[in-house]
Amino acid sequence: QVQLVESGGGLVQPGGSLKLSCTASGVIFGTWVMGWYRQTPGKQRELVALLVDGGGTNYADSVKGRFTISGDYAKNTVYLEMNSLKPEDAAVYYCKMVQRSDTTYWGQGTQVSVSS
């Protein structure tokens, strides 16, 4: 069974940076969308950034200009570089990969905390 394994979360001060990584434990053929979502207690999971095969990207308005998504489709790896972090960015961050067959995989989540 393929699993997505995330890493890179942690505690950072406001204004700081973190880089999240997500790699599939096995081979996922035909991945065409990779992305990051986040969730805080009592709220729905929300889109942070998407990367579409071919280079297209989509960002939540709240992170535009501060976060950058990148990835390697051949290696089923996706990254999220987060700069100028704010307390409101604190959440559990989840990666997602979608095959062209619409099969979707989710990571287990990694905690990002932003506090002085």
Protein backbone atom coordinates (compact mmCIF):
# COMPACT_ATOMS: atom_id res chain seq x y z
CA GLN A 1 0.00 0.00 0.00
CA VAL A 2 1.38 3.36 -1.02
CA GLN A 3 1.74 5.93 1.73
CA LEU A 4 2.70 9.57 1.57
CA VAL A 5 5.32 10.49 4.15
CA GLU A 6 5.65 14.12 5.16
CA SER A 7 8.50 15.80 6.97
CA GLY A 8 9.81 19.26 7.78
CA GLY A 9 7.19 20.54 10.18
CA GLY A 10 8.07 22.09 13.49
CA LEU A 11 8.07 25.25 15.58
CA VAL A 12 9.22 28.50 14.05
CA GLN A 13 9.08 32.13 15.10
CA PRO A 14 6.91 34.60 13.19
CA GLY A 15 8.77 35.71 10.09
CA GLY A 16 10.68 32.46 9.91
CA SER A 17 10.78 29.76 7.26
CA LEU A 18 10.15 26.06 6.94
CA LYS A 19 10.28 23.63 4.05
CA LEU A 20 7.90 20.70 4.01
CA SER A 21 8.57 17.55 2.01
CA CYS A 22 6.29 14.72 1.00
CA THR A 23 7.38 11.50 -0.69
CA ALA A 24 5.42 8.44 -1.70
CA SER A 25 6.62 5.25 -0.06
CA GLY A 26 5.90 3.29 -3.22
CA VAL A 27 5.39 3.98 -6.89
CA ILE A 28 2.36 5.98 -7.96
CA PHE A 29 1.85 5.91 -11.70
CA GLY A 30 0.16 8.72 -13.54
CA THR A 31 0.29 11.37 -10.83
CA TRP A 32 -0.89 14.62 -12.31
CA VAL A 33 -1.71 16.81 -9.31
CA MET A 34 0.28 17.22 -6.12
CA GLY A 35 -0.69 19.62 -3.41
CA TRP A 36 -0.66 20.81 0.16
CA TYR A 37 -3.62 21.47 2.43
CA ARG A 38 -3.84 22.53 6.04
CA GLN A 39 -6.26 22.17 8.88
CA THR A 40 -6.73 23.71 12.30
CA PRO A 41 -8.99 22.37 15.07
CA GLY A 42 -12.65 22.94 14.36
CA LYS A 43 -12.08 24.05 10.80
CA GLN A 44 -12.29 22.35 7.43
CA ARG A 45 -9.17 21.32 5.61
CA GLU A 46 -8.22 24.09 3.19
CA LEU A 47 -6.12 24.28 0.07
CA VAL A 48 -2.71 25.87 0.44
CA ALA A 49 -1.07 25.16 -2.91
CA LEU A 50 -1.46 22.88 -5.91
CA LEU A 51 1.01 21.81 -8.57
CA VAL A 52 -0.27 20.39 -11.83
CA ASP A 53 1.84 18.27 -14.16
CA GLY A 54 3.06 20.67 -16.80
CA GLY A 55 3.92 23.37 -14.32
CA GLY A 56 0.66 25.01 -13.39
CA THR A 57 0.30 26.20 -9.82
CA ASN A 58 -2.51 27.50 -7.66
CA TYR A 59 -2.15 29.16 -4.27
CA ALA A 60 -4.51 30.26 -1.56
CA ASP A 61 -4.65 34.05 -1.46
CA SER A 62 -3.38 34.03 2.11
CA VAL A 63 -0.05 32.45 1.13
CA LYS A 64 0.63 34.01 -2.27
CA GLY A 65 4.06 35.57 -2.41
CA ARG A 66 5.22 33.72 0.73
CA PHE A 67 4.85 30.01 -0.10
CA THR A 68 6.25 28.13 -3.08
CA ILE A 69 5.22 24.65 -4.17
CA SER A 70 7.54 22.48 -6.25
CA GLY A 71 7.80 18.83 -7.04
CA ASP A 72 9.30 15.97 -8.94
CA TYR A 73 6.68 13.82 -10.66
CA ALA A 74 9.18 11.12 -11.53
CA LYS A 75 10.00 10.70 -7.85
CA ASN A 76 6.48 11.39 -6.53
CA THR A 77 7.86 14.08 -4.27
CA VAL A 78 6.35 17.45 -3.50
CA TYR A 79 7.74 20.34 -1.46
CA LEU A 80 6.30 23.42 0.14
CA GLU A 81 8.69 26.23 0.95
CA MET A 82 7.13 28.58 3.48
CA ASN A 83 8.61 32.00 4.15
CA SER A 84 7.51 34.95 6.27
CA LEU A 85 5.42 32.63 8.40
CA LYS A 86 2.61 34.12 10.43
CA PRO A 87 0.84 32.77 13.53
CA GLU A 88 -2.22 32.17 11.37
CA ASP A 89 -0.20 29.74 9.24
CA ALA A 90 -0.01 27.35 12.18
CA ALA A 91 -1.85 24.14 11.31
CA VAL A 92 -1.44 20.51 10.46
CA TYR A 93 -0.25 20.38 6.86
CA TYR A 94 -1.25 17.47 4.62
CA CYS A 95 0.12 16.54 1.23
CA LYS A 96 -2.03 15.05 -1.48
CA MET A 97 -1.30 13.27 -4.75
CA VAL A 98 -3.90 12.54 -7.40
CA GLN A 99 -3.55 10.05 -10.23
CA ARG A 100 -5.13 10.61 -13.63
CA SER A 101 -7.53 7.83 -12.63
CA ASP A 102 -8.67 10.20 -9.83
CA THR A 103 -7.28 7.93 -7.13
CA THR A 104 -6.20 10.23 -4.33
CA TYR A 105 -3.55 9.71 -1.68
CA TRP A 106 -3.14 11.76 1.50
CA GLY A 107 -0.26 12.05 3.91
CA GLN A 108 -0.66 11.67 7.65
CA GLY A 109 -0.02 15.33 8.35
CA THR A 110 2.82 17.32 9.83
CA GLN A 111 2.41 20.01 12.47
CA VAL A 112 3.56 23.55 11.78
CA SER A 113 3.58 25.89 14.77
CA VAL A 114 4.36 29.60 14.52
CA SER A 115 4.98 31.32 17.82
CA SER A 116 7.46 33.57 19.54
